[in-house]
Amino acid sequence: MRPGAEGIEPASRPIGTLYVVATPIGNLEDMTYRAVRVLGEVDLVAAEDTRSARFLLSHYGIERPLVAVHDVNEGERAEALAERLARGESIALVSEAGTPGVSDPGFRVVRAAIAAGAPVVPLPGASAVLAALVASGLPTDRFVFIGFPPRRQGKRQEAFGKLRTEPATMVLYEAPGRVGETLADLVICLGPGRPAVVARELTKRFEEHARGTLGELAAQYRDQAPRGEVTIVVGGAPDGPGETVDLEAEVDAALARGEGPKEIAATLAARTGTPRRTIYQLALARRSRLSRGEG
């Protein structure tokens, strides 16, 4: 220490910046010049999948330290990354494909960076949501992104039932093996006539957009699972009065098909918005009356 410098604190290093970097969803030519430059300049790349990130960096001749940030460890890693930002390091956050935080890890890291006072700079790029939407032929002035719907059928139908009167175009992701079940539930909850698109392998060699009504697409994918990543786009609720449902007739028809009161209540509640308990009680009463031979 130089003479007379006792008690003088060294100048603090400016706080680092978190860059939220969108990466290609399939076609590596969709990487932006800015994203390539930033990835080559940061101190650290925080990646959902370090293997895919290393492949991407190598493709552009970039060598940077990598740290894994995924669903399991994001909470813990977010705080550690915020500390590194506070020390003046710059960090790029990337997901396996597309934009971090959109149905991928990233939200907690961004929130921790903001709490630490670090600038958060988004670098836009490829997005499966927008790619599927603009190619769907459905209205794009307003849309709702649903993400991945629940895996369990009851929860999935409950979620779709709440969208029955949504006027905006709806976009959701789904795993290939569940596309048929999800389309079937959309038919139950929204009706078979809604226009829809099943987009798969966006930006890749075998990109495909299957267009039709929900009923047609549900039939098409009933017994086959599409290959690759899937995005589903569904038209919003049409203007005018909604579907009028004769609950007693629907309950009787379901009972005749051998369905139980719980199953009937779940399906019709999702389709009509009527409380499940109300339909369940109606189904019990109708089953009792029909068993006695009464109409």
C-alpha atoms as a PDB file:
ATOM      1  CA  MET A   1       0.000   0.000   0.000  1.00  0.00           C
ATOM      2  CA  ARG A   2       1.384   3.406  -0.907  1.00  0.00           C
ATOM      3  CA  PRO A   3       2.112   5.841   1.929  1.00  0.00           C
ATOM      4  CA  GLY A   4      -0.845   7.746   3.220  1.00  0.00           C
ATOM      5  CA  ALA A   5      -3.351   5.429   1.520  1.00  0.00           C
ATOM      6  CA  GLU A   6      -4.560   3.833   4.728  1.00  0.00           C
ATOM      7  CA  GLY A   7      -8.357   3.835   4.984  1.00  0.00           C
ATOM      8  CA  ILE A   8      -8.877   4.609   1.291  1.00  0.00           C
ATOM      9  CA  GLU A   9     -11.073   1.957  -0.312  1.00  0.00           C
ATOM     10  CA  PRO A  10     -10.195   0.812  -3.831  1.00  0.00           C
ATOM     11  CA  ALA A  11     -12.551   1.919  -6.608  1.00  0.00           C
ATOM     12  CA  SER A  12     -15.363  -0.587  -6.957  1.00  0.00           C
ATOM     13  CA  ARG A  13     -15.769  -2.399 -10.239  1.00  0.00           C
ATOM     14  CA  PRO A  14     -19.011  -1.517 -12.075  1.00  0.00           C
ATOM     15  CA  ILE A  15     -21.761  -4.083 -11.675  1.00  0.00           C
ATOM     16  CA  GLY A  16     -21.991  -6.628 -14.470  1.00  0.00           C
ATOM     17  CA  THR A  17     -24.767  -7.073 -17.034  1.00  0.00           C
ATOM     18  CA  LEU A  18     -27.037 -10.068 -17.542  1.00  0.00           C
ATOM     19  CA  TYR A  19     -27.748 -10.715 -21.225  1.00  0.00           C
ATOM     20  CA  VAL A  20     -30.820 -12.847 -21.943  1.00  0.00           C
ATOM     21  CA  VAL A  21     -29.846 -14.356 -25.278  1.00  0.00           C
ATOM     22  CA  ALA A  22     -32.287 -16.072 -27.634  1.00  0.00           C
ATOM     23  CA  THR A  23     -30.735 -18.938 -29.578  1.00  0.00           C
ATOM     24  CA  PRO A  24     -31.972 -20.866 -32.644  1.00  0.00           C
ATOM     25  CA  ILE A  25     -34.867 -23.313 -32.223  1.00  0.00           C
ATOM     26  CA  GLY A  26     -33.430 -25.574 -34.910  1.00  0.00           C
ATOM     27  CA  ASN A  27     -31.770 -23.748 -37.769  1.00  0.00           C
ATOM     28  CA  LEU A  28     -28.381 -22.351 -36.732  1.00  0.00           C
ATOM     29  CA  GLU A  29     -28.652 -19.650 -39.411  1.00  0.00           C
ATOM     30  CA  ASP A  30     -31.244 -17.944 -37.195  1.00  0.00           C
ATOM     31  CA  MET A  31     -28.572 -16.790 -34.749  1.00  0.00           C
ATOM     32  CA  THR A  32     -28.201 -12.987 -34.755  1.00  0.00           C
ATOM     33  CA  TYR A  33     -24.903 -11.156 -35.279  1.00  0.00           C
ATOM     34  CA  ARG A  34     -25.419  -9.393 -31.957  1.00  0.00           C
ATOM     35  CA  ALA A  35     -25.945 -12.658 -30.079  1.00  0.00           C
ATOM     36  CA  VAL A  36     -22.730 -14.119 -31.521  1.00  0.00           C
ATOM     37  CA  ARG A  37     -20.799 -10.987 -30.511  1.00  0.00           C
ATOM     38  CA  VAL A  38     -22.184 -10.908 -26.966  1.00  0.00           C
ATOM     39  CA  LEU A  39     -21.577 -14.620 -26.373  1.00  0.00           C
ATOM     40  CA  GLY A  40     -17.974 -14.084 -27.373  1.00  0.00           C
ATOM     41  CA  GLU A  41     -17.526 -11.140 -25.003  1.00  0.00           C
ATOM     42  CA  VAL A  42     -19.182 -12.210 -21.734  1.00  0.00           C
ATOM     43  CA  ASP A  43     -17.307 -13.663 -18.784  1.00  0.00           C
ATOM     44  CA  LEU A  44     -19.677 -16.606 -18.365  1.00  0.00           C
ATOM     45  CA  VAL A  45     -22.495 -18.399 -20.188  1.00  0.00           C
ATOM     46  CA  ALA A  46     -25.282 -19.778 -17.978  1.00  0.00           C
ATOM     47  CA  ALA A  47     -26.971 -22.530 -19.979  1.00  0.00           C
ATOM     48  CA  GLU A  48     -29.978 -24.793 -19.484  1.00  0.00           C
ATOM     49  CA  ASP A  49     -28.052 -27.591 -21.228  1.00  0.00           C
ATOM     50  CA  THR A  50     -24.285 -27.148 -21.300  1.00  0.00           C
ATOM     51  CA  ARG A  51     -23.851 -29.777 -24.017  1.00  0.00           C
ATOM     52  CA  SER A  52     -26.104 -27.994 -26.510  1.00  0.00           C
ATOM     53  CA  ALA A  53     -24.615 -24.631 -25.491  1.00  0.00           C
ATOM     54  CA  ARG A  54     -21.094 -25.936 -26.048  1.00  0.00           C
ATOM     55  CA  PHE A  55     -22.122 -27.191 -29.511  1.00  0.00           C
ATOM     56  CA  LEU A  56     -23.625 -23.787 -30.348  1.00  0.00           C
ATOM     57  CA  LEU A  57     -20.565 -21.866 -29.155  1.00  0.00           C
ATOM     58  CA  SER A  58     -18.233 -24.211 -31.011  1.00  0.00           C
ATOM     59  CA  HIS A  59     -20.218 -23.689 -34.229  1.00  0.00           C
ATOM     60  CA  TYR A  60     -19.375 -19.987 -34.046  1.00  0.00           C
ATOM     61  CA  GLY A  61     -15.808 -20.475 -32.836  1.00  0.00           C
ATOM     62  CA  ILE A  62     -16.525 -19.210 -29.320  1.00  0.00           C
ATOM     63  CA  GLU A  63     -14.911 -20.531 -26.149  1.00  0.00           C
ATOM     64  CA  ARG A  64     -16.472 -19.328 -22.896  1.00  0.00           C
ATOM     65  CA  PRO A  65     -16.835 -20.826 -19.405  1.00  0.00           C
ATOM     66  CA  LEU A  66     -20.181 -22.561 -18.935  1.00  0.00           C
ATOM     67  CA  VAL A  67     -22.372 -23.190 -15.907  1.00  0.00           C
ATOM     68  CA  ALA A  68     -25.566 -25.268 -15.897  1.00  0.00           C
ATOM     69  CA  VAL A  69     -28.820 -23.555 -14.880  1.00  0.00           C
ATOM     70  CA  HIS A  70     -31.830 -25.842 -15.170  1.00  0.00           C
ATOM     71  CA  ASP A  71     -35.190 -26.473 -13.494  1.00  0.00           C
ATOM     72  CA  VAL A  72     -33.673 -28.344 -10.560  1.00  0.00           C
ATOM     73  CA  ASN A  73     -30.897 -25.941  -9.569  1.00  0.00           C
ATOM     74  CA  GLU A  74     -32.095 -22.561 -10.857  1.00  0.00           C
ATOM     75  CA  GLY A  75     -33.055 -21.171  -7.447  1.00  0.00           C
ATOM     76  CA  GLU A  76     -29.610 -21.873  -6.012  1.00  0.00           C
ATOM     77  CA  ARG A  77     -27.692 -20.837  -9.120  1.00  0.00           C
ATOM     78  CA  ALA A  78     -29.662 -17.589  -9.477  1.00  0.00           C
ATOM     79  CA  GLU A  79     -28.229 -16.235  -6.238  1.00  0.00           C
ATOM     80  CA  ALA A  80     -24.695 -17.320  -7.142  1.00  0.00           C
ATOM     81  CA  LEU A  81     -24.970 -15.656 -10.548  1.00  0.00           C
ATOM     82  CA  ALA A  82     -26.299 -12.469  -8.957  1.00  0.00           C
ATOM     83  CA  GLU A  83     -23.205 -12.400  -6.732  1.00  0.00           C
ATOM     84  CA  ARG A  84     -20.968 -12.715  -9.781  1.00  0.00           C
ATOM     85  CA  LEU A  85     -22.840  -9.863 -11.461  1.00  0.00           C
ATOM     86  CA  ALA A  86     -22.311  -7.771  -8.334  1.00  0.00           C
ATOM     87  CA  ARG A  87     -18.570  -8.439  -8.665  1.00  0.00           C
ATOM     88  CA  GLY A  88     -18.647  -6.954 -12.152  1.00  0.00           C
ATOM     89  CA  GLU A  89     -18.819 -10.073 -14.304  1.00  0.00           C
ATOM     90  CA  SER A  90     -21.000 -10.123 -17.419  1.00  0.00           C
ATOM     91  CA  ILE A  91     -23.190 -13.194 -17.963  1.00  0.00           C
ATOM     92  CA  ALA A  92     -25.158 -14.525 -20.933  1.00  0.00           C
ATOM     93  CA  LEU A  93     -28.206 -16.632 -20.114  1.00  0.00           C
ATOM     94  CA  VAL A  94     -29.262 -19.150 -22.771  1.00  0.00           C
ATOM     95  CA  SER A  95     -31.807 -21.959 -22.864  1.00  0.00           C
ATOM     96  CA  GLU A  96     -31.543 -25.165 -24.869  1.00  0.00           C
ATOM     97  CA  ALA A  97     -33.390 -23.444 -27.714  1.00  0.00           C
ATOM     98  CA  GLY A  98     -35.297 -20.208 -28.147  1.00  0.00           C
ATOM     99  CA  THR A  99     -35.692 -17.491 -25.536  1.00  0.00           C
ATOM    100  CA  PRO A 100     -34.768 -18.188 -21.893  1.00  0.00           C
ATOM    101  CA  GLY A 101     -37.692 -18.003 -19.495  1.00  0.00           C
ATOM    102  CA  VAL A 102     -40.348 -18.888 -22.085  1.00  0.00           C
ATOM    103  CA  SER A 103     -41.370 -22.355 -20.857  1.00  0.00           C
ATOM    104  CA  ASP A 104     -37.700 -22.737 -19.951  1.00  0.00           C
ATOM    105  CA  PRO A 105     -35.553 -21.805 -16.940  1.00  0.00           C
ATOM    106  CA  GLY A 106     -34.505 -18.171 -16.634  1.00  0.00           C
ATOM    107  CA  PHE A 107     -37.131 -16.268 -14.650  1.00  0.00           C
ATOM    108  CA  ARG A 108     -35.376 -16.714 -11.296  1.00  0.00           C
ATOM    109  CA  VAL A 109     -32.021 -15.674 -12.719  1.00  0.00           C
ATOM    110  CA  VAL A 110     -33.509 -12.501 -14.195  1.00  0.00           C
ATOM    111  CA  ARG A 111     -35.307 -11.698 -10.948  1.00  0.00           C
ATOM    112  CA  ALA A 112     -32.128 -12.199  -8.901  1.00  0.00           C
ATOM    113  CA  ALA A 113     -30.158  -9.965 -11.277  1.00  0.00           C
ATOM    114  CA  ILE A 114     -32.749  -7.207 -10.972  1.00  0.00           C
ATOM    115  CA  ALA A 115     -32.710  -7.514  -7.174  1.00  0.00           C
ATOM    116  CA  ALA A 116     -28.915  -7.141  -7.262  1.00  0.00           C
ATOM    117  CA  GLY A 117     -29.218  -3.956  -9.301  1.00  0.00           C
ATOM    118  CA  ALA A 118     -27.678  -5.455 -12.427  1.00  0.00           C
ATOM    119  CA  PRO A 119     -28.832  -4.334 -15.882  1.00  0.00           C
ATOM    120  CA  VAL A 120     -30.806  -7.011 -17.744  1.00  0.00           C
ATOM    121  CA  VAL A 121     -30.458  -6.757 -21.523  1.00  0.00           C
ATOM    122  CA  PRO A 122     -32.635  -8.984 -23.751  1.00  0.00           C
ATOM    123  CA  LEU A 123     -31.276 -10.116 -27.104  1.00  0.00           C
ATOM    124  CA  PRO A 124     -34.345 -11.166 -29.145  1.00  0.00           C
ATOM    125  CA  GLY A 125     -34.247 -13.936 -31.671  1.00  0.00           C
ATOM    126  CA  ALA A 126     -35.972 -17.154 -32.701  1.00  0.00           C
ATOM    127  CA  SER A 127     -39.271 -18.013 -30.986  1.00  0.00           C
ATOM    128  CA  ALA A 128     -41.426 -21.071 -31.611  1.00  0.00           C
ATOM    129  CA  VAL A 129     -44.459 -19.167 -30.306  1.00  0.00           C
ATOM    130  CA  LEU A 130     -44.160 -16.355 -32.836  1.00  0.00           C
ATOM    131  CA  ALA A 131     -43.014 -18.590 -35.699  1.00  0.00           C
ATOM    132  CA  ALA A 132     -46.066 -20.842 -35.331  1.00  0.00           C
ATOM    133  CA  LEU A 133     -48.418 -17.899 -34.811  1.00  0.00           C
ATOM    134  CA  VAL A 134     -47.434 -15.866 -37.866  1.00  0.00           C
ATOM    135  CA  ALA A 135     -47.532 -18.936 -40.138  1.00  0.00           C
ATOM    136  CA  SER A 136     -50.871 -20.193 -38.788  1.00  0.00           C
ATOM    137  CA  GLY A 137     -53.143 -17.954 -40.823  1.00  0.00           C
ATOM    138  CA  LEU A 138     -55.056 -17.126 -37.627  1.00  0.00           C
ATOM    139  CA  PRO A 139     -55.409 -13.582 -36.233  1.00  0.00           C
ATOM    140  CA  THR A 140     -52.159 -12.235 -34.811  1.00  0.00           C
ATOM    141  CA  ASP A 141     -53.292  -8.882 -33.411  1.00  0.00           C
ATOM    142  CA  ARG A 142     -53.921 -10.506 -30.014  1.00  0.00           C
ATOM    143  CA  PHE A 143     -52.758 -13.866 -28.738  1.00  0.00           C
ATOM    144  CA  VAL A 144     -52.482 -15.794 -25.484  1.00  0.00           C
ATOM    145  CA  PHE A 145     -49.477 -18.014 -24.769  1.00  0.00           C
ATOM    146  CA  ILE A 146     -50.471 -20.991 -22.627  1.00  0.00           C
ATOM    147  CA  GLY A 147     -47.120 -22.778 -22.448  1.00  0.00           C
ATOM    148  CA  PHE A 148     -47.285 -26.514 -21.715  1.00  0.00           C
ATOM    149  CA  PRO A 149     -50.762 -27.575 -20.530  1.00  0.00           C
ATOM    150  CA  PRO A 150     -51.107 -29.826 -17.450  1.00  0.00           C
ATOM    151  CA  ARG A 151     -50.218 -33.470 -18.021  1.00  0.00           C
ATOM    152  CA  ARG A 152     -53.186 -34.912 -16.139  1.00  0.00           C
ATOM    153  CA  GLN A 153     -56.369 -34.987 -18.181  1.00  0.00           C
ATOM    154  CA  GLY A 154     -58.621 -33.565 -15.476  1.00  0.00           C
ATOM    155  CA  LYS A 155     -56.351 -30.592 -14.844  1.00  0.00           C
ATOM    156  CA  ARG A 156     -55.842 -30.124 -18.569  1.00  0.00           C
ATOM    157  CA  GLN A 157     -59.573 -30.014 -19.273  1.00  0.00           C
ATOM    158  CA  GLU A 158     -60.049 -27.630 -16.369  1.00  0.00           C
ATOM    159  CA  ALA A 159     -57.410 -25.288 -17.831  1.00  0.00           C
ATOM    160  CA  PHE A 160     -58.863 -25.472 -21.342  1.00  0.00           C
ATOM    161  CA  GLY A 161     -62.383 -24.910 -20.005  1.00  0.00           C
ATOM    162  CA  LYS A 162     -61.315 -21.519 -18.682  1.00  0.00           C
ATOM    163  CA  LEU A 163     -60.306 -20.552 -22.227  1.00  0.00           C
ATOM    164  CA  ARG A 164     -63.712 -21.336 -23.704  1.00  0.00           C
ATOM    165  CA  THR A 165     -64.639 -17.647 -24.151  1.00  0.00           C
ATOM    166  CA  GLU A 166     -61.109 -16.341 -24.833  1.00  0.00           C
ATOM    167  CA  PRO A 167     -61.347 -14.218 -28.011  1.00  0.00           C
ATOM    168  CA  ALA A 168     -57.605 -14.097 -28.744  1.00  0.00           C
ATOM    169  CA  THR A 169     -55.672 -16.706 -30.706  1.00  0.00           C
ATOM    170  CA  MET A 170     -54.129 -19.270 -28.348  1.00  0.00           C
ATOM    171  CA  VAL A 171     -50.651 -20.804 -28.615  1.00  0.00           C
ATOM    172  CA  LEU A 172     -49.396 -23.759 -26.593  1.00  0.00           C
ATOM    173  CA  TYR A 173     -46.537 -26.226 -26.521  1.00  0.00           C
ATOM    174  CA  GLU A 174     -47.004 -29.967 -26.213  1.00  0.00           C
ATOM    175  CA  ALA A 175     -44.831 -33.060 -26.110  1.00  0.00           C
ATOM    176  CA  PRO A 176     -45.251 -35.231 -29.238  1.00  0.00           C
ATOM    177  CA  GLY A 177     -46.643 -38.182 -27.276  1.00  0.00           C
ATOM    178  CA  ARG A 178     -49.471 -36.111 -25.774  1.00  0.00           C
ATOM    179  CA  VAL A 179     -50.604 -34.198 -28.865  1.00  0.00           C
ATOM    180  CA  GLY A 180     -53.518 -36.562 -29.591  1.00  0.00           C
ATOM    181  CA  GLU A 181     -54.833 -36.408 -26.019  1.00  0.00           C
ATOM    182  CA  THR A 182     -54.464 -32.635 -25.867  1.00  0.00           C
ATOM    183  CA  LEU A 183     -56.310 -32.108 -29.153  1.00  0.00           C
ATOM    184  CA  ALA A 184     -59.096 -34.405 -27.938  1.00  0.00           C
ATOM    185  CA  ASP A 185     -59.434 -32.333 -24.767  1.00  0.00           C
ATOM    186  CA  LEU A 186     -59.455 -29.110 -26.782  1.00  0.00           C
ATOM    187  CA  VAL A 187     -62.354 -30.534 -28.799  1.00  0.00           C
ATOM    188  CA  ILE A 188     -64.249 -31.344 -25.603  1.00  0.00           C
ATOM    189  CA  CYS A 189     -63.640 -27.921 -24.068  1.00  0.00           C
ATOM    190  CA  LEU A 190     -63.704 -25.583 -27.074  1.00  0.00           C
ATOM    191  CA  GLY A 191     -65.722 -27.550 -29.615  1.00  0.00           C
ATOM    192  CA  PRO A 192     -64.648 -29.354 -32.784  1.00  0.00           C
ATOM    193  CA  GLY A 193     -65.110 -26.432 -35.179  1.00  0.00           C
ATOM    194  CA  ARG A 194     -62.336 -24.098 -34.024  1.00  0.00           C
ATOM    195  CA  PRO A 195     -59.619 -23.501 -36.636  1.00  0.00           C
ATOM    196  CA  ALA A 196     -56.242 -24.763 -35.465  1.00  0.00           C
ATOM    197  CA  VAL A 197     -52.718 -25.602 -36.580  1.00  0.00           C
ATOM    198  CA  VAL A 198     -50.257 -28.221 -35.379  1.00  0.00           C
ATOM    199  CA  ALA A 199     -46.772 -26.913 -36.210  1.00  0.00           C
ATOM    200  CA  ARG A 200     -43.770 -29.177 -35.767  1.00  0.00           C
ATOM    201  CA  GLU A 201     -40.012 -29.042 -36.332  1.00  0.00           C
ATOM    202  CA  LEU A 202     -40.142 -25.267 -36.858  1.00  0.00           C
ATOM    203  CA  THR A 203     -37.160 -23.869 -38.818  1.00  0.00           C
ATOM    204  CA  LYS A 204     -35.837 -27.403 -39.400  1.00  0.00           C
ATOM    205  CA  ARG A 205     -35.643 -29.516 -42.539  1.00  0.00           C
ATOM    206  CA  PHE A 206     -38.939 -31.326 -41.976  1.00  0.00           C
ATOM    207  CA  GLU A 207     -40.962 -28.331 -40.803  1.00  0.00           C
ATOM    208  CA  GLU A 208     -44.687 -28.976 -41.131  1.00  0.00           C
ATOM    209  CA  HIS A 209     -47.909 -27.031 -40.500  1.00  0.00           C
ATOM    210  CA  ALA A 210     -51.011 -29.230 -40.311  1.00  0.00           C
ATOM    211  CA  ARG A 211     -54.076 -26.996 -40.631  1.00  0.00           C
ATOM    212  CA  GLY A 212     -57.751 -27.767 -40.086  1.00  0.00           C
ATOM    213  CA  THR A 213     -60.406 -27.703 -37.396  1.00  0.00           C
ATOM    214  CA  LEU A 214     -59.766 -29.041 -33.922  1.00  0.00           C
ATOM    215  CA  GLY A 215     -62.022 -31.990 -34.757  1.00  0.00           C
ATOM    216  CA  GLU A 216     -60.094 -32.798 -37.928  1.00  0.00           C
ATOM    217  CA  LEU A 217     -56.703 -32.498 -36.261  1.00  0.00           C
ATOM    218  CA  ALA A 218     -57.821 -34.564 -33.264  1.00  0.00           C
ATOM    219  CA  ALA A 219     -58.851 -37.333 -35.671  1.00  0.00           C
ATOM    220  CA  GLN A 220     -55.568 -37.034 -37.579  1.00  0.00           C
ATOM    221  CA  TYR A 221     -53.418 -37.385 -34.459  1.00  0.00           C
ATOM    222  CA  ARG A 222     -55.626 -39.781 -32.519  1.00  0.00           C
ATOM    223  CA  ASP A 223     -53.404 -42.773 -33.203  1.00  0.00           C
ATOM    224  CA  GLN A 224     -50.158 -41.165 -34.300  1.00  0.00           C
ATOM    225  CA  ALA A 225     -47.638 -39.010 -32.474  1.00  0.00           C
ATOM    226  CA  PRO A 226     -45.917 -36.344 -34.575  1.00  0.00           C
ATOM    227  CA  ARG A 227     -42.140 -36.315 -34.506  1.00  0.00           C
ATOM    228  CA  GLY A 228     -40.153 -33.431 -33.114  1.00  0.00           C
ATOM    229  CA  GLU A 229     -41.089 -30.340 -31.116  1.00  0.00           C
ATOM    230  CA  VAL A 230     -44.749 -29.312 -31.429  1.00  0.00           C
ATOM    231  CA  THR A 231     -46.548 -25.975 -31.144  1.00  0.00           C
ATOM    232  CA  ILE A 232     -50.349 -25.826 -31.374  1.00  0.00           C
ATOM    233  CA  VAL A 233     -52.235 -22.692 -32.417  1.00  0.00           C
ATOM    234  CA  VAL A 234     -56.009 -22.431 -31.838  1.00  0.00           C
ATOM    235  CA  GLY A 235     -58.458 -19.779 -32.992  1.00  0.00           C
ATOM    236  CA  GLY A 236     -60.170 -17.667 -30.342  1.00  0.00           C
ATOM    237  CA  ALA A 237     -63.843 -17.798 -29.423  1.00  0.00           C
ATOM    238  CA  PRO A 238     -66.054 -16.546 -32.260  1.00  0.00           C
ATOM    239  CA  ASP A 239     -68.229 -13.467 -31.844  1.00  0.00           C
ATOM    240  CA  GLY A 240     -71.869 -13.968 -30.965  1.00  0.00           C
ATOM    241  CA  PRO A 241     -73.691 -16.226 -28.504  1.00  0.00           C
ATOM    242  CA  GLY A 242     -71.853 -19.268 -27.266  1.00  0.00           C
ATOM    243  CA  GLU A 243     -72.906 -22.866 -27.529  1.00  0.00           C
ATOM    244  CA  THR A 244     -76.208 -23.720 -25.859  1.00  0.00           C
ATOM    245  CA  VAL A 245     -75.987 -27.041 -24.045  1.00  0.00           C
ATOM    246  CA  ASP A 246     -78.930 -29.109 -22.821  1.00  0.00           C
ATOM    247  CA  LEU A 247     -77.274 -30.459 -19.701  1.00  0.00           C
ATOM    248  CA  GLU A 248     -79.886 -33.133 -19.012  1.00  0.00           C
ATOM    249  CA  ALA A 249     -79.659 -34.452 -22.566  1.00  0.00           C
ATOM    250  CA  GLU A 250     -75.864 -34.428 -22.460  1.00  0.00           C
ATOM    251  CA  VAL A 251     -75.830 -36.217 -19.102  1.00  0.00           C
ATOM    252  CA  ASP A 252     -78.311 -38.835 -20.324  1.00  0.00           C
ATOM    253  CA  ALA A 253     -76.239 -39.443 -23.464  1.00  0.00           C
ATOM    254  CA  ALA A 254     -73.077 -39.852 -21.408  1.00  0.00           C
ATOM    255  CA  LEU A 255     -74.796 -42.244 -18.998  1.00  0.00           C
ATOM    256  CA  ALA A 256     -75.977 -44.269 -21.977  1.00  0.00           C
ATOM    257  CA  ARG A 257     -72.340 -44.531 -23.122  1.00  0.00           C
ATOM    258  CA  GLY A 258     -71.456 -46.023 -19.755  1.00  0.00           C
ATOM    259  CA  GLU A 259     -69.733 -42.990 -18.284  1.00  0.00           C
ATOM    260  CA  GLY A 260     -69.897 -42.407 -14.532  1.00  0.00           C
ATOM    261  CA  PRO A 261     -71.068 -39.224 -12.780  1.00  0.00           C
ATOM    262  CA  LYS A 262     -67.517 -38.078 -11.957  1.00  0.00           C
ATOM    263  CA  GLU A 263     -66.343 -38.438 -15.541  1.00  0.00           C
ATOM    264  CA  ILE A 264     -69.464 -36.699 -16.847  1.00  0.00           C
ATOM    265  CA  ALA A 265     -69.055 -33.838 -14.389  1.00  0.00           C
ATOM    266  CA  ALA A 266     -65.425 -33.269 -15.339  1.00  0.00           C
ATOM    267  CA  THR A 267     -66.117 -33.251 -19.076  1.00  0.00           C
ATOM    268  CA  LEU A 268     -69.223 -31.071 -19.040  1.00  0.00           C
ATOM    269  CA  ALA A 269     -67.794 -28.639 -16.501  1.00  0.00           C
ATOM    270  CA  ALA A 270     -64.831 -28.035 -18.781  1.00  0.00           C
ATOM    271  CA  ARG A 271     -67.080 -27.660 -21.816  1.00  0.00           C
ATOM    272  CA  THR A 272     -69.814 -25.468 -20.353  1.00  0.00           C
ATOM    273  CA  GLY A 273     -68.328 -23.689 -17.356  1.00  0.00           C
ATOM    274  CA  THR A 274     -71.045 -25.113 -15.116  1.00  0.00           C
ATOM    275  CA  PRO A 275     -69.706 -26.023 -11.658  1.00  0.00           C
ATOM    276  CA  ARG A 276     -68.570 -29.626 -11.526  1.00  0.00           C
ATOM    277  CA  ARG A 277     -70.556 -30.313  -8.355  1.00  0.00           C
ATOM    278  CA  THR A 278     -73.775 -29.132 -10.030  1.00  0.00           C
ATOM    279  CA  ILE A 279     -73.291 -31.531 -12.939  1.00  0.00           C
ATOM    280  CA  TYR A 280     -72.248 -34.355 -10.625  1.00  0.00           C
ATOM    281  CA  GLN A 281     -75.452 -34.010  -8.600  1.00  0.00           C
ATOM    282  CA  LEU A 282     -77.486 -33.873 -11.820  1.00  0.00           C
ATOM    283  CA  ALA A 283     -75.775 -37.013 -13.115  1.00  0.00           C
ATOM    284  CA  LEU A 284     -76.511 -38.868  -9.879  1.00  0.00           C
ATOM    285  CA  ALA A 285     -80.148 -37.818 -10.009  1.00  0.00           C
ATOM    286  CA  ARG A 286     -80.554 -38.694 -13.715  1.00  0.00           C
ATOM    287  CA  ARG A 287     -78.891 -42.077 -13.228  1.00  0.00           C
ATOM    288  CA  SER A 288     -81.232 -42.841 -10.348  1.00  0.00           C
ATOM    289  CA  ARG A 289     -84.320 -41.822 -12.350  1.00  0.00           C
ATOM    290  CA  LEU A 290     -83.242 -43.733 -15.451  1.00  0.00           C
ATOM    291  CA  SER A 291     -82.565 -46.838 -13.384  1.00  0.00           C
ATOM    292  CA  ARG A 292     -86.190 -46.659 -12.198  1.00  0.00           C
ATOM    293  CA  GLY A 293     -87.392 -46.337 -15.766  1.00  0.00           C
ATOM    294  CA  GLU A 294     -88.375 -42.688 -15.408  1.00  0.00           C
ATOM    295  CA  GLY A 295     -87.641 -40.090 -18.115  1.00  0.00           C
END
